[in-house]
Amino acid sequence: MIRVAVDLAAVVAGEVTIAGDEAHYLTRVRRVRVGEALQLFDGAGRTAAATIVRLTSNTVTVEAAAPVIAPPELPHITAMIPLIKGDRFDYCLEKLVEVGVDAIVVWQAERAVVKLDAERAATRLEKWRAAITAATRQAGRAHEATIDGVWPLQGPQGALARLTTQAPMARRVLLHTAGGVPVQQLAGEDAAAPMVIITGPEGGLAPNEVELLSSNGFVPGALGSRILRAETAPVVAVALVRATEAAAK
């Protein structure tokens, strides 16, 4: 089933016109035809079955059924990931979406190779959001993960301050080479409770970052005996939490 991202907030049932990048995706990439079935999604949990009724050079018109709302998965999982060099960061974003992350917080680690100023971060953010939408489409998800910028770890506008406001009751897990409690065990202690998982950059976490995170309620978590790359560790962690959740049902 071909899936298309559209705004379903005001849709009841009837004709919906799709334009812009999504229309380009349908007409130029998927080369759809009148009569083909689609699934519309808006990233906020709403989906709707639809059938193509008209095509123009830059729009696709569909007849849509009334949207249905899918409940969010529990637990709500936030991945705090550092900037990672090259295309490994994009890989990490894509795979996090595929395995079921709900929110991504990008933080500027002391030992990160990549550094972004405000202008470059804003440009990257637009690209990251497009990648997340594409991964949401591919993975068949109804809810799209959020991402809203690059933040220092501390300070009034830092990642930790934002967590206090946005996820005050979440369990906080620090993945570090020093080891800790297996992530599956931490997830199993309360399968519905929100969880925040933070990982470090290629050069690892600086001692002062570990100390700061520990003093802010992060407990050491472990993924096993192997040391995983910066782009791999958060993906494996989120996948393990989701697998633990599925096994508990």
C-alpha atoms as a PDB file:
ATOM      1  CA  MET A   1       0.000   0.000   0.000  1.00  0.00           C
ATOM      2  CA  ILE A   2       1.349   3.405  -1.013  1.00  0.00           C
ATOM      3  CA  ARG A   3       1.281   5.877   1.894  1.00  0.00           C
ATOM      4  CA  VAL A   4       1.161   9.658   1.598  1.00  0.00           C
ATOM      5  CA  ALA A   5       1.667  12.345   4.248  1.00  0.00           C
ATOM      6  CA  VAL A   6      -1.160  14.912   4.272  1.00  0.00           C
ATOM      7  CA  ASP A   7      -2.939  17.139   6.787  1.00  0.00           C
ATOM      8  CA  LEU A   8      -5.964  15.126   7.957  1.00  0.00           C
ATOM      9  CA  ALA A   9      -6.982  17.386  10.842  1.00  0.00           C
ATOM     10  CA  ALA A  10      -9.867  18.959   8.886  1.00  0.00           C
ATOM     11  CA  VAL A  11     -10.771  15.919   6.747  1.00  0.00           C
ATOM     12  CA  VAL A  12     -14.087  14.193   7.443  1.00  0.00           C
ATOM     13  CA  ALA A  13     -14.578  12.202   4.226  1.00  0.00           C
ATOM     14  CA  GLY A  14     -14.578  13.174   0.576  1.00  0.00           C
ATOM     15  CA  GLU A  15     -12.156  14.621  -1.925  1.00  0.00           C
ATOM     16  CA  VAL A  16      -8.641  15.599  -0.831  1.00  0.00           C
ATOM     17  CA  THR A  17      -6.145  17.302  -3.142  1.00  0.00           C
ATOM     18  CA  ILE A  18      -2.481  16.413  -2.661  1.00  0.00           C
ATOM     19  CA  ALA A  19       0.179  18.826  -3.936  1.00  0.00           C
ATOM     20  CA  GLY A  20       3.870  19.654  -3.437  1.00  0.00           C
ATOM     21  CA  ASP A  21       6.448  17.010  -2.580  1.00  0.00           C
ATOM     22  CA  GLU A  22       3.872  14.315  -1.867  1.00  0.00           C
ATOM     23  CA  ALA A  23       2.249  14.784  -5.278  1.00  0.00           C
ATOM     24  CA  HIS A  24       5.693  14.609  -6.873  1.00  0.00           C
ATOM     25  CA  TYR A  25       6.348  11.384  -4.957  1.00  0.00           C
ATOM     26  CA  LEU A  26       3.103   9.872  -6.226  1.00  0.00           C
ATOM     27  CA  THR A  27       3.305  10.961  -9.865  1.00  0.00           C
ATOM     28  CA  ARG A  28       7.029  10.922 -10.597  1.00  0.00           C
ATOM     29  CA  VAL A  29       8.380   8.309  -8.186  1.00  0.00           C
ATOM     30  CA  ARG A  30       5.503   5.851  -7.776  1.00  0.00           C
ATOM     31  CA  ARG A  31       3.841   6.707 -11.133  1.00  0.00           C
ATOM     32  CA  VAL A  32       0.351   6.124  -9.785  1.00  0.00           C
ATOM     33  CA  ARG A  33      -2.813   5.836 -11.894  1.00  0.00           C
ATOM     34  CA  VAL A  34      -6.451   6.742 -11.370  1.00  0.00           C
ATOM     35  CA  GLY A  35      -8.180   4.034  -9.369  1.00  0.00           C
ATOM     36  CA  GLU A  36      -5.160   3.103  -7.241  1.00  0.00           C
ATOM     37  CA  ALA A  37      -5.645   2.757  -3.503  1.00  0.00           C
ATOM     38  CA  LEU A  38      -3.590   4.811  -1.033  1.00  0.00           C
ATOM     39  CA  GLN A  39      -3.322   5.302   2.684  1.00  0.00           C
ATOM     40  CA  LEU A  40      -3.164   8.889   3.898  1.00  0.00           C
ATOM     41  CA  PHE A  41      -1.428   9.680   7.197  1.00  0.00           C
ATOM     42  CA  ASP A  42      -0.678  12.889   9.033  1.00  0.00           C
ATOM     43  CA  GLY A  43       1.929  11.847  11.607  1.00  0.00           C
ATOM     44  CA  ALA A  44      -0.416  12.704  14.478  1.00  0.00           C
ATOM     45  CA  GLY A  45      -2.066   9.281  14.569  1.00  0.00           C
ATOM     46  CA  ARG A  46      -4.732   9.804  11.903  1.00  0.00           C
ATOM     47  CA  THR A  47      -4.908   7.585   8.813  1.00  0.00           C
ATOM     48  CA  ALA A  48      -7.468   7.341   6.026  1.00  0.00           C
ATOM     49  CA  ALA A  49      -8.036   4.944   3.157  1.00  0.00           C
ATOM     50  CA  ALA A  50      -8.250   6.707  -0.196  1.00  0.00           C
ATOM     51  CA  THR A  51      -8.600   6.078  -3.931  1.00  0.00           C
ATOM     52  CA  ILE A  52      -7.123   8.271  -6.679  1.00  0.00           C
ATOM     53  CA  VAL A  53      -9.823   9.957  -8.765  1.00  0.00           C
ATOM     54  CA  ARG A  54      -7.883  12.624 -10.731  1.00  0.00           C
ATOM     55  CA  LEU A  55      -4.327  13.410 -11.750  1.00  0.00           C
ATOM     56  CA  THR A  56      -2.791  16.622 -13.091  1.00  0.00           C
ATOM     57  CA  SER A  57       0.838  17.590 -13.689  1.00  0.00           C
ATOM     58  CA  ASN A  58       1.255  18.785 -10.106  1.00  0.00           C
ATOM     59  CA  THR A  59      -1.704  17.509  -8.061  1.00  0.00           C
ATOM     60  CA  VAL A  60      -3.345  14.247  -7.125  1.00  0.00           C
ATOM     61  CA  THR A  61      -7.004  14.213  -6.056  1.00  0.00           C
ATOM     62  CA  VAL A  62      -8.280  11.303  -3.994  1.00  0.00           C
ATOM     63  CA  GLU A  63     -11.585  10.213  -2.524  1.00  0.00           C
ATOM     64  CA  ALA A  64     -10.842   9.642   1.151  1.00  0.00           C
ATOM     65  CA  ALA A  65     -12.733   7.751   3.818  1.00  0.00           C
ATOM     66  CA  ALA A  66     -13.209   9.306   7.248  1.00  0.00           C
ATOM     67  CA  PRO A  67      -9.893   9.250   9.149  1.00  0.00           C
ATOM     68  CA  VAL A  68      -9.350   6.829  12.004  1.00  0.00           C
ATOM     69  CA  ILE A  69      -7.064   7.540  14.938  1.00  0.00           C
ATOM     70  CA  ALA A  70      -4.438   5.052  16.092  1.00  0.00           C
ATOM     71  CA  PRO A  71      -3.431   5.185  19.765  1.00  0.00           C
ATOM     72  CA  PRO A  72       0.244   5.954  20.420  1.00  0.00           C
ATOM     73  CA  GLU A  73       2.568   3.138  21.373  1.00  0.00           C
ATOM     74  CA  LEU A  74       3.584   2.819  24.990  1.00  0.00           C
ATOM     75  CA  PRO A  75       5.998   3.632  26.396  1.00  0.00           C
ATOM     76  CA  HIS A  76       6.761   7.022  24.864  1.00  0.00           C
ATOM     77  CA  ILE A  77      10.474   6.843  23.984  1.00  0.00           C
ATOM     78  CA  THR A  78      12.758   9.844  23.583  1.00  0.00           C
ATOM     79  CA  ALA A  79      16.219   9.304  22.101  1.00  0.00           C
ATOM     80  CA  MET A  80      18.784  11.979  22.961  1.00  0.00           C
ATOM     81  CA  ILE A  81      21.457  11.608  20.304  1.00  0.00           C
ATOM     82  CA  PRO A  82      24.565  13.666  19.570  1.00  0.00           C
ATOM     83  CA  LEU A  83      25.585  15.061  16.222  1.00  0.00           C
ATOM     84  CA  ILE A  84      27.410  12.331  14.272  1.00  0.00           C
ATOM     85  CA  LYS A  85      29.689  12.880  11.284  1.00  0.00           C
ATOM     86  CA  GLY A  86      28.857  12.099   7.678  1.00  0.00           C
ATOM     87  CA  ASP A  87      25.711  10.293   6.647  1.00  0.00           C
ATOM     88  CA  ARG A  88      25.717   8.210   9.815  1.00  0.00           C
ATOM     89  CA  PHE A  89      23.461  10.730  11.525  1.00  0.00           C
ATOM     90  CA  ASP A  90      20.872  10.434   8.745  1.00  0.00           C
ATOM     91  CA  TYR A  91      21.099   6.652   9.011  1.00  0.00           C
ATOM     92  CA  CYS A  92      20.519   6.881  12.753  1.00  0.00           C
ATOM     93  CA  LEU A  93      17.428   9.086  12.319  1.00  0.00           C
ATOM     94  CA  GLU A  94      15.912   6.772   9.733  1.00  0.00           C
ATOM     95  CA  LYS A  95      16.444   3.629  11.779  1.00  0.00           C
ATOM     96  CA  LEU A  96      15.202   5.238  15.003  1.00  0.00           C
ATOM     97  CA  VAL A  97      11.926   6.005  13.253  1.00  0.00           C
ATOM     98  CA  GLU A  98      11.703   2.489  11.858  1.00  0.00           C
ATOM     99  CA  VAL A  99      12.137   0.825  15.263  1.00  0.00           C
ATOM    100  CA  GLY A 100       9.620   3.107  16.974  1.00  0.00           C
ATOM    101  CA  VAL A 101      11.127   6.210  18.588  1.00  0.00           C
ATOM    102  CA  ASP A 102       8.635   8.961  19.478  1.00  0.00           C
ATOM    103  CA  ALA A 103      10.888  11.983  19.988  1.00  0.00           C
ATOM    104  CA  ILE A 104      14.464  12.789  19.014  1.00  0.00           C
ATOM    105  CA  VAL A 105      16.485  15.371  20.914  1.00  0.00           C
ATOM    106  CA  VAL A 106      19.761  16.307  19.232  1.00  0.00           C
ATOM    107  CA  TRP A 107      22.360  17.537  21.690  1.00  0.00           C
ATOM    108  CA  GLN A 108      25.784  19.095  21.187  1.00  0.00           C
ATOM    109  CA  ALA A 109      28.244  16.728  22.890  1.00  0.00           C
ATOM    110  CA  GLU A 110      31.646  17.984  23.985  1.00  0.00           C
ATOM    111  CA  ARG A 111      33.492  15.296  22.040  1.00  0.00           C
ATOM    112  CA  ALA A 112      31.283  15.347  18.949  1.00  0.00           C
ATOM    113  CA  VAL A 113      33.208  15.793  15.718  1.00  0.00           C
ATOM    114  CA  VAL A 114      30.375  17.801  14.120  1.00  0.00           C
ATOM    115  CA  LYS A 115      29.591  21.316  15.380  1.00  0.00           C
ATOM    116  CA  LEU A 116      26.691  23.375  14.006  1.00  0.00           C
ATOM    117  CA  ASP A 117      25.926  27.060  14.365  1.00  0.00           C
ATOM    118  CA  ALA A 118      22.299  28.236  14.519  1.00  0.00           C
ATOM    119  CA  GLU A 119      21.969  28.861  10.778  1.00  0.00           C
ATOM    120  CA  ARG A 120      23.360  25.485   9.754  1.00  0.00           C
ATOM    121  CA  ALA A 121      21.298  23.737  12.420  1.00  0.00           C
ATOM    122  CA  ALA A 122      18.094  25.302  11.040  1.00  0.00           C
ATOM    123  CA  THR A 123      18.966  24.099   7.543  1.00  0.00           C
ATOM    124  CA  ARG A 124      19.715  20.601   8.766  1.00  0.00           C
ATOM    125  CA  LEU A 125      16.489  20.514  10.787  1.00  0.00           C
ATOM    126  CA  GLU A 126      14.392  20.931   7.647  1.00  0.00           C
ATOM    127  CA  LYS A 127      16.274  18.053   6.021  1.00  0.00           C
ATOM    128  CA  TRP A 128      15.920  15.873   9.118  1.00  0.00           C
ATOM    129  CA  ARG A 129      12.172  16.413   9.295  1.00  0.00           C
ATOM    130  CA  ALA A 130      11.807  15.394   5.644  1.00  0.00           C
ATOM    131  CA  ALA A 131      13.824  12.241   6.350  1.00  0.00           C
ATOM    132  CA  ILE A 132      11.640  11.428   9.346  1.00  0.00           C
ATOM    133  CA  THR A 133       8.478  11.820   7.258  1.00  0.00           C
ATOM    134  CA  ALA A 134       9.905   9.505   4.594  1.00  0.00           C
ATOM    135  CA  ALA A 135      10.857   6.913   7.204  1.00  0.00           C
ATOM    136  CA  THR A 136       7.406   7.183   8.819  1.00  0.00           C
ATOM    137  CA  ARG A 137       5.827   6.531   5.428  1.00  0.00           C
ATOM    138  CA  GLN A 138       8.046   3.522   4.760  1.00  0.00           C
ATOM    139  CA  ALA A 139       7.615   2.005   8.218  1.00  0.00           C
ATOM    140  CA  GLY A 140       3.817   2.150   8.141  1.00  0.00           C
ATOM    141  CA  ARG A 141       3.623   4.302  11.262  1.00  0.00           C
ATOM    142  CA  ALA A 142       0.677   6.547  12.113  1.00  0.00           C
ATOM    143  CA  HIS A 143       2.641   8.736  14.517  1.00  0.00           C
ATOM    144  CA  GLU A 144       5.643  10.737  13.337  1.00  0.00           C
ATOM    145  CA  ALA A 145       8.616  11.267  15.640  1.00  0.00           C
ATOM    146  CA  THR A 146       9.346  14.841  16.669  1.00  0.00           C
ATOM    147  CA  ILE A 147      12.647  16.683  16.321  1.00  0.00           C
ATOM    148  CA  ASP A 148      13.071  20.389  17.021  1.00  0.00           C
ATOM    149  CA  GLY A 149      16.686  21.527  16.891  1.00  0.00           C
ATOM    150  CA  VAL A 150      20.187  21.089  18.276  1.00  0.00           C
ATOM    151  CA  TRP A 151      20.610  21.893  21.960  1.00  0.00           C
ATOM    152  CA  PRO A 152      23.481  22.179  24.435  1.00  0.00           C
ATOM    153  CA  LEU A 153      23.218  19.681  27.267  1.00  0.00           C
ATOM    154  CA  GLN A 154      22.743  22.241  30.032  1.00  0.00           C
ATOM    155  CA  GLY A 155      21.553  25.812  30.412  1.00  0.00           C
ATOM    156  CA  PRO A 156      18.077  27.398  30.461  1.00  0.00           C
ATOM    157  CA  GLN A 157      17.516  26.405  26.825  1.00  0.00           C
ATOM    158  CA  GLY A 158      19.485  23.170  27.058  1.00  0.00           C
ATOM    159  CA  ALA A 159      18.366  19.592  26.506  1.00  0.00           C
ATOM    160  CA  LEU A 160      18.105  18.798  30.207  1.00  0.00           C
ATOM    161  CA  ALA A 161      15.945  21.851  30.892  1.00  0.00           C
ATOM    162  CA  ARG A 162      13.659  20.875  28.023  1.00  0.00           C
ATOM    163  CA  LEU A 163      13.289  17.369  29.403  1.00  0.00           C
ATOM    164  CA  THR A 164      12.186  18.769  32.743  1.00  0.00           C
ATOM    165  CA  THR A 165       9.350  20.555  30.958  1.00  0.00           C
ATOM    166  CA  GLN A 166       8.462  18.024  28.268  1.00  0.00           C
ATOM    167  CA  ALA A 167       9.030  14.679  30.000  1.00  0.00           C
ATOM    168  CA  PRO A 168       9.150  15.302  33.769  1.00  0.00           C
ATOM    169  CA  MET A 169       8.039  11.788  34.744  1.00  0.00           C
ATOM    170  CA  ALA A 170      10.145   9.818  32.261  1.00  0.00           C
ATOM    171  CA  ARG A 171      12.683   7.240  33.309  1.00  0.00           C
ATOM    172  CA  ARG A 172      16.150   8.425  32.293  1.00  0.00           C
ATOM    173  CA  VAL A 173      18.733   5.966  30.941  1.00  0.00           C
ATOM    174  CA  LEU A 174      22.381   6.725  30.162  1.00  0.00           C
ATOM    175  CA  LEU A 175      24.120   4.366  27.752  1.00  0.00           C
ATOM    176  CA  HIS A 176      27.825   4.503  28.437  1.00  0.00           C
ATOM    177  CA  THR A 177      30.745   2.115  28.003  1.00  0.00           C
ATOM    178  CA  ALA A 178      31.002   1.784  31.785  1.00  0.00           C
ATOM    179  CA  GLY A 179      27.967  -0.508  31.611  1.00  0.00           C
ATOM    180  CA  GLY A 180      24.886  -0.738  33.766  1.00  0.00           C
ATOM    181  CA  VAL A 181      21.505  -2.455  34.000  1.00  0.00           C
ATOM    182  CA  PRO A 182      20.364  -4.153  30.754  1.00  0.00           C
ATOM    183  CA  VAL A 183      17.956  -1.918  28.858  1.00  0.00           C
ATOM    184  CA  GLN A 184      15.449  -4.762  28.594  1.00  0.00           C
ATOM    185  CA  GLN A 185      15.351  -5.026  32.373  1.00  0.00           C
ATOM    186  CA  LEU A 186      14.863  -1.293  32.796  1.00  0.00           C
ATOM    187  CA  ALA A 187      12.083  -1.320  30.209  1.00  0.00           C
ATOM    188  CA  GLY A 188      10.361  -4.259  31.857  1.00  0.00           C
ATOM    189  CA  GLU A 189      10.134  -2.580  35.250  1.00  0.00           C
ATOM    190  CA  ASP A 190       7.235  -0.417  34.023  1.00  0.00           C
ATOM    191  CA  ALA A 191       6.351  -1.097  30.406  1.00  0.00           C
ATOM    192  CA  ALA A 192       4.044   1.921  30.072  1.00  0.00           C
ATOM    193  CA  ALA A 193       6.224   4.577  31.717  1.00  0.00           C
ATOM    194  CA  PRO A 194       7.929   7.078  29.369  1.00  0.00           C
ATOM    195  CA  MET A 195      11.652   6.574  28.840  1.00  0.00           C
ATOM    196  CA  VAL A 196      14.486   8.895  27.779  1.00  0.00           C
ATOM    197  CA  ILE A 197      17.663   7.260  26.455  1.00  0.00           C
ATOM    198  CA  ILE A 198      20.817   9.317  25.925  1.00  0.00           C
ATOM    199  CA  THR A 199      23.881   8.188  23.966  1.00  0.00           C
ATOM    200  CA  GLY A 200      27.241   9.760  23.242  1.00  0.00           C
ATOM    201  CA  PRO A 201      29.269  10.688  20.134  1.00  0.00           C
ATOM    202  CA  GLU A 202      32.130   8.897  18.386  1.00  0.00           C
ATOM    203  CA  GLY A 203      34.589  10.029  21.049  1.00  0.00           C
ATOM    204  CA  GLY A 204      32.357   8.958  23.908  1.00  0.00           C
ATOM    205  CA  LEU A 205      30.899  11.005  26.727  1.00  0.00           C
ATOM    206  CA  ALA A 206      33.175  13.387  28.607  1.00  0.00           C
ATOM    207  CA  PRO A 207      33.513  12.719  32.371  1.00  0.00           C
ATOM    208  CA  ASN A 208      31.764  15.980  33.234  1.00  0.00           C
ATOM    209  CA  GLU A 209      28.821  15.004  30.973  1.00  0.00           C
ATOM    210  CA  VAL A 210      28.495  11.649  32.723  1.00  0.00           C
ATOM    211  CA  GLU A 211      28.555  13.399  36.095  1.00  0.00           C
ATOM    212  CA  LEU A 212      25.971  15.969  34.989  1.00  0.00           C
ATOM    213  CA  LEU A 213      23.640  13.334  33.592  1.00  0.00           C
ATOM    214  CA  SER A 214      23.953  11.174  36.693  1.00  0.00           C
ATOM    215  CA  SER A 215      23.111  14.153  38.906  1.00  0.00           C
ATOM    216  CA  ASN A 216      20.018  14.744  36.760  1.00  0.00           C
ATOM    217  CA  GLY A 217      18.508  11.318  37.317  1.00  0.00           C
ATOM    218  CA  PHE A 218      20.017   9.265  34.499  1.00  0.00           C
ATOM    219  CA  VAL A 219      20.788   5.676  35.489  1.00  0.00           C
ATOM    220  CA  PRO A 220      23.435   3.591  33.665  1.00  0.00           C
ATOM    221  CA  GLY A 221      21.995   1.235  31.072  1.00  0.00           C
ATOM    222  CA  ALA A 222      23.684  -1.521  29.064  1.00  0.00           C
ATOM    223  CA  LEU A 223      23.190  -3.127  25.656  1.00  0.00           C
ATOM    224  CA  GLY A 224      25.506  -6.082  26.179  1.00  0.00           C
ATOM    225  CA  SER A 225      29.229  -6.746  26.139  1.00  0.00           C
ATOM    226  CA  ARG A 226      29.999  -5.073  22.797  1.00  0.00           C
ATOM    227  CA  ILE A 227      30.766  -1.402  22.217  1.00  0.00           C
ATOM    228  CA  LEU A 228      28.416  -0.103  19.534  1.00  0.00           C
ATOM    229  CA  ARG A 229      28.959   2.838  17.219  1.00  0.00           C
ATOM    230  CA  ALA A 230      27.349   6.187  17.975  1.00  0.00           C
ATOM    231  CA  GLU A 231      24.755   5.695  15.231  1.00  0.00           C
ATOM    232  CA  THR A 232      23.970   2.114  16.256  1.00  0.00           C
ATOM    233  CA  ALA A 233      23.565   2.272  20.040  1.00  0.00           C
ATOM    234  CA  PRO A 234      20.392   4.393  20.190  1.00  0.00           C
ATOM    235  CA  VAL A 235      18.708   2.304  17.485  1.00  0.00           C
ATOM    236  CA  VAL A 236      19.421  -0.948  19.306  1.00  0.00           C
ATOM    237  CA  ALA A 237      18.261   0.544  22.611  1.00  0.00           C
ATOM    238  CA  VAL A 238      14.915   1.709  21.230  1.00  0.00           C
ATOM    239  CA  ALA A 239      14.392  -1.608  19.439  1.00  0.00           C
ATOM    240  CA  LEU A 240      15.011  -3.503  22.697  1.00  0.00           C
ATOM    241  CA  VAL A 241      12.516  -1.348  24.583  1.00  0.00           C
ATOM    242  CA  ARG A 242       9.884  -1.931  21.896  1.00  0.00           C
ATOM    243  CA  ALA A 243      10.611  -5.677  21.879  1.00  0.00           C
ATOM    244  CA  THR A 244      10.223  -5.784  25.665  1.00  0.00           C
ATOM    245  CA  GLU A 245       6.908  -3.955  25.347  1.00  0.00           C
ATOM    246  CA  ALA A 246       5.680  -6.398  22.697  1.00  0.00           C
ATOM    247  CA  ALA A 247       6.672  -9.414  24.784  1.00  0.00           C
ATOM    248  CA  ALA A 248       4.788  -8.048  27.795  1.00  0.00           C
ATOM    249  CA  LYS A 249       1.464  -7.818  25.920  1.00  0.00           C
END
